[in-house]
Amino acid sequence: VRTNAALARPFGLLALAFGAAYSFGAFFKSIQTQFDAGRFSVGSLFAVTALLYYCVGAVAGPLADRIGLRRVTGAGVLLLATGFALASQTRSLAQRFVVFGLFVGGGVGLIFVPALVAVQRWFIRLRSRASGLASAGTGVGTFTAPLFAGWLLEQQSWQIAMQWFALAIAVSLLAGALPAL
């Protein structure tokens, strides 16, 4: 049972973090319309965000070694949730680049590597299998979260949908996945 929890939490962290980031596709048209922006401009926003989360991921590992997995991942969760909350309030595409890029990109970056490190610490035998299963959370999140975002957008404005995402991220990650890392 303890082994399953050690695998489920990183899986959940990765599913929620990457799912939130990749839900951007569902918001694409709304952002394009709101800011009267071209596809390249809006697409570049996601590209910058992805660049940042992989660059921050390179720093997150050594940082987690220094100050702990919980602190680093907790900071990532707060950045991710704050990024969605603030992005719902942006008034220009430039503001969105700063807010979404830095906060969401930084948040995912701080979650990504520490979640995988947690698996490495728990599993000696079958470590590769456990890492692969935890990493599968990324795929599950990138499939399901955009569907959820699309459903929310049918019910609400994109601003309200992003606020719901912020709340879901904060509650799900802080209450469910984070405490046991």
N, C-alpha and C. Protein backbone atom coordinates (compact mmCIF):
# COMPACT_ATOMS: atom_id res chain seq x y z
N VAL A 1 0.84 -1.19 0.00
CA VAL A 1 0.00 0.00 0.00
C VAL A 1 0.87 1.25 0.00
N ARG A 2 1.91 1.22 0.82
CA ARG A 2 2.80 2.37 0.89
C ARG A 2 3.51 2.61 -0.44
N THR A 3 3.85 1.52 -1.13
CA THR A 3 4.50 1.63 -2.43
C THR A 3 3.56 2.26 -3.45
N ASN A 4 2.29 1.87 -3.42
CA ASN A 4 1.33 2.46 -4.34
C ASN A 4 1.17 3.96 -4.10
N ALA A 5 1.15 4.38 -2.85
CA ALA A 5 1.04 5.81 -2.53
C ALA A 5 2.28 6.56 -2.99
N ALA A 6 3.44 5.92 -2.85
CA ALA A 6 4.68 6.56 -3.28
C ALA A 6 4.69 6.80 -4.78
N LEU A 7 3.97 5.99 -5.51
CA LEU A 7 3.88 6.14 -6.96
C LEU A 7 2.71 7.03 -7.36
N ALA A 8 1.61 6.93 -6.64
CA ALA A 8 0.40 7.68 -6.99
C ALA A 8 0.57 9.18 -6.81
N ARG A 9 1.26 9.60 -5.80
CA ARG A 9 1.39 11.04 -5.56
C ARG A 9 2.19 11.75 -6.65
N PRO A 10 3.37 11.23 -7.02
CA PRO A 10 4.08 11.87 -8.14
C PRO A 10 3.29 11.79 -9.44
N PHE A 11 2.61 10.67 -9.68
CA PHE A 11 1.75 10.52 -10.85
C PHE A 11 0.71 11.64 -10.85
N GLY A 12 0.06 11.85 -9.71
CA GLY A 12 -0.96 12.90 -9.59
C GLY A 12 -0.40 14.29 -9.77
N LEU A 13 0.76 14.55 -9.17
CA LEU A 13 1.40 15.86 -9.33
C LEU A 13 1.70 16.15 -10.79
N LEU A 14 2.27 15.18 -11.48
CA LEU A 14 2.61 15.37 -12.88
C LEU A 14 1.36 15.50 -13.75
N ALA A 15 0.34 14.72 -13.46
CA ALA A 15 -0.91 14.81 -14.22
C ALA A 15 -1.54 16.19 -14.07
N LEU A 16 -1.59 16.67 -12.86
CA LEU A 16 -2.24 17.97 -12.63
C LEU A 16 -1.39 19.13 -13.16
N ALA A 17 -0.10 19.09 -12.93
CA ALA A 17 0.75 20.20 -13.37
C ALA A 17 0.81 20.29 -14.90
N PHE A 18 1.12 19.18 -15.55
CA PHE A 18 1.21 19.22 -17.01
C PHE A 18 -0.17 19.35 -17.65
N GLY A 19 -1.17 18.77 -17.01
CA GLY A 19 -2.53 18.93 -17.51
C GLY A 19 -2.94 20.39 -17.51
N ALA A 20 -2.64 21.08 -16.42
CA ALA A 20 -2.96 22.50 -16.34
C ALA A 20 -2.23 23.28 -17.43
N ALA A 21 -0.94 23.02 -17.58
CA ALA A 21 -0.17 23.74 -18.59
C ALA A 21 -0.71 23.47 -20.00
N TYR A 22 -1.00 22.21 -20.29
CA TYR A 22 -1.45 21.86 -21.64
C TYR A 22 -2.93 22.15 -21.88
N SER A 23 -3.64 22.59 -20.86
CA SER A 23 -5.02 23.04 -21.08
C SER A 23 -5.03 24.34 -21.87
N PHE A 24 -3.86 24.92 -22.03
CA PHE A 24 -3.72 26.16 -22.79
C PHE A 24 -4.39 26.08 -24.15
N GLY A 25 -4.32 24.92 -24.78
CA GLY A 25 -4.92 24.74 -26.10
C GLY A 25 -6.42 25.01 -26.09
N ALA A 26 -7.08 24.64 -25.01
CA ALA A 26 -8.53 24.89 -24.92
C ALA A 26 -8.82 26.39 -24.81
N PHE A 27 -7.91 27.13 -24.22
CA PHE A 27 -8.09 28.57 -24.03
C PHE A 27 -7.62 29.39 -25.24
N PHE A 28 -6.95 28.73 -26.18
CA PHE A 28 -6.29 29.41 -27.29
C PHE A 28 -7.21 30.39 -28.03
N LYS A 29 -8.34 29.90 -28.49
CA LYS A 29 -9.25 30.73 -29.29
C LYS A 29 -9.80 31.90 -28.48
N SER A 30 -10.13 31.65 -27.23
CA SER A 30 -10.64 32.73 -26.37
C SER A 30 -9.60 33.83 -26.16
N ILE A 31 -8.36 33.42 -25.95
CA ILE A 31 -7.28 34.38 -25.78
C ILE A 31 -7.05 35.16 -27.07
N GLN A 32 -7.06 34.45 -28.18
CA GLN A 32 -6.87 35.08 -29.48
C GLN A 32 -7.96 36.13 -29.73
N THR A 33 -9.18 35.79 -29.44
CA THR A 33 -10.31 36.70 -29.64
C THR A 33 -10.24 37.88 -28.67
N GLN A 34 -10.01 37.60 -27.40
CA GLN A 34 -9.97 38.65 -26.37
C GLN A 34 -8.94 39.72 -26.68
N PHE A 35 -7.77 39.30 -27.13
CA PHE A 35 -6.67 40.24 -27.35
C PHE A 35 -6.47 40.58 -28.81
N ASP A 36 -7.37 40.11 -29.68
CA ASP A 36 -7.28 40.36 -31.12
C ASP A 36 -5.86 40.07 -31.61
N ALA A 37 -5.40 38.86 -31.29
CA ALA A 37 -4.02 38.48 -31.57
C ALA A 37 -3.98 37.38 -32.63
N GLY A 38 -2.88 37.31 -33.32
CA GLY A 38 -2.67 36.27 -34.32
C GLY A 38 -2.30 34.94 -33.68
N ARG A 39 -2.38 33.91 -34.48
CA ARG A 39 -2.06 32.56 -33.99
C ARG A 39 -0.61 32.47 -33.51
N PHE A 40 0.30 33.11 -34.23
CA PHE A 40 1.71 33.06 -33.84
C PHE A 40 1.92 33.68 -32.46
N SER A 41 1.32 34.83 -32.22
CA SER A 41 1.48 35.50 -30.93
C SER A 41 0.96 34.65 -29.78
N VAL A 42 -0.23 34.10 -29.96
CA VAL A 42 -0.82 33.29 -28.90
C VAL A 42 -0.05 31.97 -28.75
N GLY A 43 0.32 31.36 -29.85
CA GLY A 43 1.10 30.13 -29.80
C GLY A 43 2.46 30.33 -29.14
N SER A 44 3.05 31.49 -29.37
CA SER A 44 4.34 31.80 -28.76
C SER A 44 4.25 31.86 -27.24
N LEU A 45 3.10 32.24 -26.75
CA LEU A 45 2.89 32.29 -25.30
C LEU A 45 3.08 30.90 -24.68
N PHE A 46 2.51 29.88 -25.31
CA PHE A 46 2.70 28.53 -24.79
C PHE A 46 4.14 28.07 -24.97
N ALA A 47 4.77 28.43 -26.08
CA ALA A 47 6.16 28.04 -26.31
C ALA A 47 7.08 28.61 -25.24
N VAL A 48 6.86 29.85 -24.86
CA VAL A 48 7.66 30.48 -23.80
C VAL A 48 7.42 29.77 -22.47
N THR A 49 6.16 29.45 -22.20
CA THR A 49 5.83 28.75 -20.97
C THR A 49 6.54 27.40 -20.91
N ALA A 50 6.49 26.63 -21.99
CA ALA A 50 7.15 25.32 -22.03
C ALA A 50 8.67 25.46 -21.89
N LEU A 51 9.24 26.43 -22.55
CA LEU A 51 10.69 26.67 -22.41
C LEU A 51 11.04 26.92 -20.95
N LEU A 52 10.24 27.74 -20.29
CA LEU A 52 10.52 28.06 -18.89
C LEU A 52 10.38 26.86 -17.98
N TYR A 53 9.36 26.01 -18.20
CA TYR A 53 9.25 24.92 -17.24
C TYR A 53 10.35 23.89 -17.40
N TYR A 54 10.89 23.74 -18.57
CA TYR A 54 12.03 22.82 -18.69
C TYR A 54 13.32 23.46 -18.16
N CYS A 55 13.50 24.74 -18.37
CA CYS A 55 14.68 25.42 -17.82
C CYS A 55 14.64 25.46 -16.30
N VAL A 56 13.49 25.77 -15.75
CA VAL A 56 13.34 25.79 -14.29
C VAL A 56 13.52 24.38 -13.73
N GLY A 57 13.07 23.38 -14.47
CA GLY A 57 13.25 22.00 -14.03
C GLY A 57 14.70 21.65 -13.79
N ALA A 58 15.59 22.23 -14.57
CA ALA A 58 17.03 21.98 -14.41
C ALA A 58 17.55 22.52 -13.08
N VAL A 59 16.91 23.55 -12.58
CA VAL A 59 17.31 24.17 -11.31
C VAL A 59 16.57 23.51 -10.14
N ALA A 60 15.38 22.98 -10.42
CA ALA A 60 14.53 22.44 -9.35
C ALA A 60 15.16 21.23 -8.66
N GLY A 61 15.87 20.39 -9.40
CA GLY A 61 16.50 19.23 -8.78
C GLY A 61 17.51 19.61 -7.71
N PRO A 62 18.52 20.41 -8.05
CA PRO A 62 19.48 20.82 -7.02
C PRO A 62 18.82 21.61 -5.89
N LEU A 63 17.82 22.40 -6.22
CA LEU A 63 17.11 23.16 -5.19
C LEU A 63 16.38 22.22 -4.22
N ALA A 64 15.76 21.18 -4.76
CA ALA A 64 15.07 20.19 -3.91
C ALA A 64 16.07 19.46 -3.02
N ASP A 65 17.27 19.18 -3.53
CA ASP A 65 18.30 18.55 -2.71
C ASP A 65 18.69 19.46 -1.55
N ARG A 66 18.69 20.73 -1.81
CA ARG A 66 19.14 21.70 -0.81
C ARG A 66 18.07 22.01 0.23
N ILE A 67 16.82 22.26 -0.22
CA ILE A 67 15.80 22.72 0.74
C ILE A 67 14.64 21.74 0.90
N GLY A 68 14.60 20.67 0.12
CA GLY A 68 13.58 19.64 0.29
C GLY A 68 12.53 19.62 -0.81
N LEU A 69 12.05 18.40 -1.06
CA LEU A 69 11.04 18.19 -2.10
C LEU A 69 9.74 18.94 -1.81
N ARG A 70 9.28 18.89 -0.58
CA ARG A 70 8.01 19.53 -0.24
C ARG A 70 8.03 21.03 -0.47
N ARG A 71 9.08 21.66 -0.06
CA ARG A 71 9.17 23.11 -0.23
C ARG A 71 9.20 23.52 -1.70
N VAL A 72 10.01 22.82 -2.47
CA VAL A 72 10.13 23.16 -3.89
C VAL A 72 8.82 22.87 -4.62
N THR A 73 8.26 21.70 -4.37
CA THR A 73 7.00 21.35 -5.03
C THR A 73 5.87 22.25 -4.54
N GLY A 74 5.86 22.56 -3.27
CA GLY A 74 4.85 23.49 -2.74
C GLY A 74 4.93 24.86 -3.40
N ALA A 75 6.14 25.34 -3.59
CA ALA A 75 6.31 26.62 -4.30
C ALA A 75 5.81 26.51 -5.73
N GLY A 76 6.06 25.36 -6.36
CA GLY A 76 5.58 25.15 -7.72
C GLY A 76 4.06 25.16 -7.80
N VAL A 77 3.42 24.51 -6.84
CA VAL A 77 1.96 24.49 -6.79
C VAL A 77 1.41 25.90 -6.63
N LEU A 78 2.01 26.65 -5.72
CA LEU A 78 1.54 28.03 -5.50
C LEU A 78 1.75 28.90 -6.74
N LEU A 79 2.89 28.75 -7.40
CA LEU A 79 3.12 29.51 -8.63
C LEU A 79 2.12 29.13 -9.72
N LEU A 80 1.88 27.84 -9.87
CA LEU A 80 0.96 27.37 -10.90
C LEU A 80 -0.46 27.89 -10.66
N ALA A 81 -0.95 27.75 -9.44
CA ALA A 81 -2.30 28.23 -9.11
C ALA A 81 -2.38 29.75 -9.25
N THR A 82 -1.36 30.44 -8.78
CA THR A 82 -1.33 31.91 -8.88
C THR A 82 -1.28 32.33 -10.34
N GLY A 83 -0.54 31.61 -11.15
CA GLY A 83 -0.45 31.92 -12.58
C GLY A 83 -1.81 31.88 -13.26
N PHE A 84 -2.59 30.87 -12.96
CA PHE A 84 -3.93 30.78 -13.55
C PHE A 84 -4.84 31.88 -13.01
N ALA A 85 -4.76 32.14 -11.71
CA ALA A 85 -5.61 33.19 -11.12
C ALA A 85 -5.27 34.55 -11.71
N LEU A 86 -3.99 34.87 -11.80
CA LEU A 86 -3.58 36.17 -12.35
C LEU A 86 -3.83 36.26 -13.85
N ALA A 87 -3.63 35.15 -14.57
CA ALA A 87 -3.85 35.16 -16.02
C ALA A 87 -5.30 35.47 -16.35
N SER A 88 -6.21 35.11 -15.46
CA SER A 88 -7.62 35.39 -15.70
C SER A 88 -7.92 36.88 -15.62
N GLN A 89 -7.00 37.64 -15.07
CA GLN A 89 -7.20 39.08 -14.88
C GLN A 89 -6.38 39.95 -15.83
N THR A 90 -5.61 39.34 -16.71
CA THR A 90 -4.73 40.13 -17.58
C THR A 90 -5.54 40.97 -18.57
N ARG A 91 -4.98 42.12 -18.90
CA ARG A 91 -5.66 43.06 -19.80
C ARG A 91 -4.97 43.17 -21.16
N SER A 92 -3.82 42.53 -21.29
CA SER A 92 -3.11 42.57 -22.57
C SER A 92 -2.36 41.26 -22.78
N LEU A 93 -2.01 41.00 -24.02
CA LEU A 93 -1.26 39.79 -24.31
C LEU A 93 0.14 39.86 -23.68
N ALA A 94 0.70 41.05 -23.61
CA ALA A 94 2.02 41.21 -22.98
C ALA A 94 1.95 40.83 -21.49
N GLN A 95 0.90 41.26 -20.81
CA GLN A 95 0.73 40.88 -19.40
C GLN A 95 0.60 39.36 -19.27
N ARG A 96 -0.13 38.78 -20.20
CA ARG A 96 -0.34 37.33 -20.17
C ARG A 96 0.98 36.60 -20.37
N PHE A 97 1.86 37.12 -21.26
CA PHE A 97 3.17 36.50 -21.45
C PHE A 97 3.93 36.46 -20.13
N VAL A 98 3.91 37.56 -19.41
CA VAL A 98 4.64 37.63 -18.15
C VAL A 98 4.01 36.71 -17.11
N VAL A 99 2.70 36.85 -16.92
CA VAL A 99 2.02 36.11 -15.86
C VAL A 99 1.98 34.61 -16.16
N PHE A 100 1.46 34.24 -17.31
CA PHE A 100 1.32 32.83 -17.62
C PHE A 100 2.69 32.20 -17.82
N GLY A 101 3.53 32.87 -18.58
CA GLY A 101 4.86 32.33 -18.84
C GLY A 101 5.66 32.10 -17.58
N LEU A 102 5.79 33.13 -16.77
CA LEU A 102 6.62 33.02 -15.56
C LEU A 102 5.99 32.14 -14.48
N PHE A 103 4.74 32.40 -14.16
CA PHE A 103 4.12 31.68 -13.05
C PHE A 103 3.81 30.23 -13.41
N VAL A 104 3.14 30.02 -14.53
CA VAL A 104 2.79 28.64 -14.92
C VAL A 104 4.06 27.89 -15.32
N GLY A 105 4.90 28.51 -16.13
CA GLY A 105 6.15 27.86 -16.52
C GLY A 105 7.03 27.55 -15.32
N GLY A 106 7.17 28.51 -14.43
CA GLY A 106 7.97 28.29 -13.22
C GLY A 106 7.35 27.24 -12.32
N GLY A 107 6.04 27.28 -12.18
CA GLY A 107 5.35 26.31 -11.32
C GLY A 107 5.52 24.88 -11.80
N VAL A 108 5.28 24.65 -13.08
CA VAL A 108 5.44 23.30 -13.62
C VAL A 108 6.90 22.86 -13.48
N GLY A 109 7.83 23.77 -13.73
CA GLY A 109 9.24 23.43 -13.60
C GLY A 109 9.63 23.01 -12.19
N LEU A 110 9.03 23.65 -11.19
CA LEU A 110 9.33 23.30 -9.80
C LEU A 110 8.64 22.01 -9.36
N ILE A 111 7.64 21.59 -10.08
CA ILE A 111 6.94 20.34 -9.74
C ILE A 111 7.57 19.15 -10.46
N PHE A 112 7.94 19.33 -11.70
CA PHE A 112 8.36 18.26 -12.60
C PHE A 112 9.49 17.39 -12.03
N VAL A 113 10.64 17.95 -11.83
CA VAL A 113 11.80 17.17 -11.40
C VAL A 113 11.63 16.63 -9.97
N PRO A 114 11.18 17.44 -9.00
CA PRO A 114 11.00 16.88 -7.66
C PRO A 114 10.00 15.72 -7.60
N ALA A 115 8.96 15.74 -8.41
CA ALA A 115 8.02 14.62 -8.42
C ALA A 115 8.71 13.34 -8.88
N LEU A 116 9.57 13.45 -9.87
CA LEU A 116 10.31 12.27 -10.34
C LEU A 116 11.37 11.84 -9.33
N VAL A 117 11.97 12.81 -8.65
CA VAL A 117 12.98 12.49 -7.63
C VAL A 117 12.35 11.69 -6.50
N ALA A 118 11.11 12.03 -6.15
CA ALA A 118 10.42 11.30 -5.08
C ALA A 118 10.32 9.81 -5.42
N VAL A 119 10.05 9.51 -6.68
CA VAL A 119 9.97 8.11 -7.12
C VAL A 119 11.34 7.46 -6.99
N GLN A 120 12.38 8.16 -7.37
CA GLN A 120 13.74 7.60 -7.31
C GLN A 120 14.12 7.25 -5.88
N ARG A 121 13.67 8.03 -4.93
CA ARG A 121 14.01 7.77 -3.52
C ARG A 121 13.28 6.56 -2.97
N TRP A 122 12.09 6.30 -3.45
CA TRP A 122 11.28 5.20 -2.92
C TRP A 122 11.62 3.86 -3.53
N PHE A 123 12.03 3.84 -4.78
CA PHE A 123 12.20 2.58 -5.48
C PHE A 123 13.66 2.32 -5.79
N ILE A 124 14.15 1.18 -5.34
CA ILE A 124 15.49 0.74 -5.67
C ILE A 124 15.37 -0.30 -6.79
N ARG A 125 14.66 -1.37 -6.48
CA ARG A 125 14.37 -2.40 -7.46
C ARG A 125 13.17 -1.91 -8.28
N LEU A 126 13.18 -2.11 -9.54
CA LEU A 126 12.11 -1.67 -10.45
C LEU A 126 11.99 -0.14 -10.53
N ARG A 127 13.07 0.54 -10.28
CA ARG A 127 13.09 2.00 -10.32
C ARG A 127 12.67 2.55 -11.69
N SER A 128 13.16 1.93 -12.74
CA SER A 128 12.81 2.39 -14.09
C SER A 128 11.33 2.24 -14.36
N ARG A 129 10.77 1.13 -13.96
CA ARG A 129 9.33 0.90 -14.15
C ARG A 129 8.52 1.93 -13.35
N ALA A 130 8.91 2.16 -12.12
CA ALA A 130 8.20 3.12 -11.28
C ALA A 130 8.29 4.54 -11.86
N SER A 131 9.47 4.89 -12.36
CA SER A 131 9.63 6.22 -12.97
C SER A 131 8.76 6.35 -14.20
N GLY A 132 8.70 5.30 -15.00
CA GLY A 132 7.86 5.31 -16.20
C GLY A 132 6.39 5.46 -15.85
N LEU A 133 5.94 4.74 -14.83
CA LEU A 133 4.54 4.84 -14.42
C LEU A 133 4.22 6.23 -13.87
N ALA A 134 5.12 6.78 -13.07
CA ALA A 134 4.89 8.14 -12.56
C ALA A 134 4.87 9.15 -13.70
N SER A 135 5.77 8.99 -14.64
CA SER A 135 5.83 9.89 -15.79
C SER A 135 4.56 9.81 -16.65
N ALA A 136 3.90 8.66 -16.62
CA ALA A 136 2.66 8.51 -17.37
C ALA A 136 1.60 9.50 -16.89
N GLY A 137 1.75 10.01 -15.69
CA GLY A 137 0.84 11.04 -15.20
C GLY A 137 0.83 12.26 -16.10
N THR A 138 1.97 12.55 -16.69
CA THR A 138 2.06 13.66 -17.62
C THR A 138 1.10 13.46 -18.80
N GLY A 139 1.09 12.27 -19.35
CA GLY A 139 0.21 11.96 -20.47
C GLY A 139 -1.26 11.99 -20.08
N VAL A 140 -1.56 11.44 -18.92
CA VAL A 140 -2.95 11.44 -18.46
C VAL A 140 -3.44 12.88 -18.27
N GLY A 141 -2.60 13.71 -17.67
CA GLY A 141 -2.98 15.11 -17.46
C GLY A 141 -3.14 15.88 -18.74
N THR A 142 -2.22 15.67 -19.68
CA THR A 142 -2.31 16.42 -20.93
C THR A 142 -3.48 15.97 -21.79
N PHE A 143 -4.03 14.80 -21.49
CA PHE A 143 -5.23 14.35 -22.20
C PHE A 143 -6.51 14.85 -21.51
N THR A 144 -6.57 14.73 -20.19
CA THR A 144 -7.83 15.02 -19.49
C THR A 144 -8.06 16.49 -19.18
N ALA A 145 -7.05 17.22 -18.79
CA ALA A 145 -7.24 18.63 -18.39
C ALA A 145 -7.76 19.50 -19.52
N PRO A 146 -7.26 19.38 -20.75
CA PRO A 146 -7.84 20.18 -21.83
C PRO A 146 -9.32 19.86 -22.08
N LEU A 147 -9.71 18.59 -21.87
CA LEU A 147 -11.13 18.24 -21.99
C LEU A 147 -11.95 18.94 -20.92
N PHE A 148 -11.42 18.96 -19.69
CA PHE A 148 -12.09 19.66 -18.60
C PHE A 148 -12.17 21.16 -18.89
N ALA A 149 -11.09 21.72 -19.39
CA ALA A 149 -11.08 23.15 -19.73
C ALA A 149 -12.10 23.44 -20.83
N GLY A 150 -12.18 22.58 -21.82
CA GLY A 150 -13.17 22.77 -22.89
C GLY A 150 -14.58 22.74 -22.35
N TRP A 151 -14.85 21.82 -21.43
CA TRP A 151 -16.17 21.74 -20.82
C TRP A 151 -16.46 23.02 -20.02
N LEU A 152 -15.47 23.46 -19.23
CA LEU A 152 -15.66 24.71 -18.47
C LEU A 152 -15.95 25.89 -19.39
N LEU A 153 -15.25 25.95 -20.50
CA LEU A 153 -15.43 27.07 -21.44
C LEU A 153 -16.81 27.06 -22.09
N GLU A 154 -17.44 25.90 -22.15
CA GLU A 154 -18.82 25.85 -22.65
C GLU A 154 -19.79 26.42 -21.62
N GLN A 155 -19.39 26.41 -20.36
CA GLN A 155 -20.26 26.85 -19.26
C GLN A 155 -19.98 28.29 -18.82
N GLN A 156 -18.74 28.74 -18.96
CA GLN A 156 -18.28 29.99 -18.38
C GLN A 156 -17.41 30.77 -19.35
N SER A 157 -17.06 31.98 -18.96
CA SER A 157 -16.07 32.75 -19.71
C SER A 157 -14.70 32.13 -19.48
N TRP A 158 -13.74 32.48 -20.34
CA TRP A 158 -12.39 31.94 -20.15
C TRP A 158 -11.78 32.42 -18.84
N GLN A 159 -12.15 33.63 -18.41
CA GLN A 159 -11.60 34.15 -17.16
C GLN A 159 -12.07 33.32 -15.97
N ILE A 160 -13.36 33.02 -15.94
CA ILE A 160 -13.90 32.21 -14.85
C ILE A 160 -13.34 30.79 -14.92
N ALA A 161 -13.21 30.25 -16.12
CA ALA A 161 -12.65 28.91 -16.28
C ALA A 161 -11.22 28.85 -15.74
N MET A 162 -10.43 29.89 -15.98
CA MET A 162 -9.06 29.92 -15.45
C MET A 162 -9.06 30.03 -13.92
N GLN A 163 -10.02 30.75 -13.38
CA GLN A 163 -10.12 30.84 -11.92
C GLN A 163 -10.48 29.49 -11.31
N TRP A 164 -11.36 28.74 -11.99
CA TRP A 164 -11.68 27.39 -11.53
C TRP A 164 -10.43 26.51 -11.58
N PHE A 165 -9.65 26.67 -12.64
CA PHE A 165 -8.40 25.90 -12.73
C PHE A 165 -7.47 26.26 -11.58
N ALA A 166 -7.35 27.53 -11.27
CA ALA A 166 -6.49 27.95 -10.16
C ALA A 166 -6.93 27.30 -8.85
N LEU A 167 -8.22 27.32 -8.61
CA LEU A 167 -8.75 26.71 -7.38
C LEU A 167 -8.53 25.20 -7.38
N ALA A 168 -8.81 24.54 -8.49
CA ALA A 168 -8.62 23.09 -8.58
C ALA A 168 -7.16 22.70 -8.38
N ILE A 169 -6.25 23.48 -8.93
CA ILE A 169 -4.82 23.20 -8.77
C ILE A 169 -4.43 23.32 -7.30
N ALA A 170 -4.81 24.41 -6.68
CA ALA A 170 -4.44 24.63 -5.29
C ALA A 170 -5.00 23.54 -4.37
N VAL A 171 -6.26 23.24 -4.53
CA VAL A 171 -6.90 22.24 -3.67
C VAL A 171 -6.37 20.85 -3.95
N SER A 172 -6.32 20.46 -5.20
CA SER A 172 -5.91 19.10 -5.56
C SER A 172 -4.46 18.82 -5.21
N LEU A 173 -3.59 19.72 -5.57
CA LEU A 173 -2.17 19.46 -5.36
C LEU A 173 -1.77 19.64 -3.90
N LEU A 174 -2.23 20.67 -3.26
CA LEU A 174 -1.82 20.88 -1.87
C LEU A 174 -2.47 19.88 -0.94
N ALA A 175 -3.73 19.57 -1.16
CA ALA A 175 -4.41 18.65 -0.25
C ALA A 175 -4.12 17.19 -0.54
N GLY A 176 -4.01 16.84 -1.82
CA GLY A 176 -3.91 15.43 -2.16
C GLY A 176 -2.52 14.91 -2.41
N ALA A 177 -1.81 15.54 -3.30
CA ALA A 177 -0.56 14.95 -3.78
C ALA A 177 0.67 15.42 -3.02
N LEU A 178 0.68 16.61 -2.55
CA LEU A 178 1.90 17.18 -2.00
C LEU A 178 2.30 16.66 -0.61
N PRO A 179 1.38 16.51 0.34
CA PRO A 179 1.83 16.24 1.72
C PRO A 179 2.76 15.06 1.92
N ALA A 180 2.67 14.03 1.12
CA ALA A 180 3.48 12.85 1.37
C ALA A 180 4.81 12.82 0.63
N LEU A 181 5.13 13.82 -0.16
CA LEU A 181 6.42 13.79 -0.86
C LEU A 181 7.56 13.86 0.12
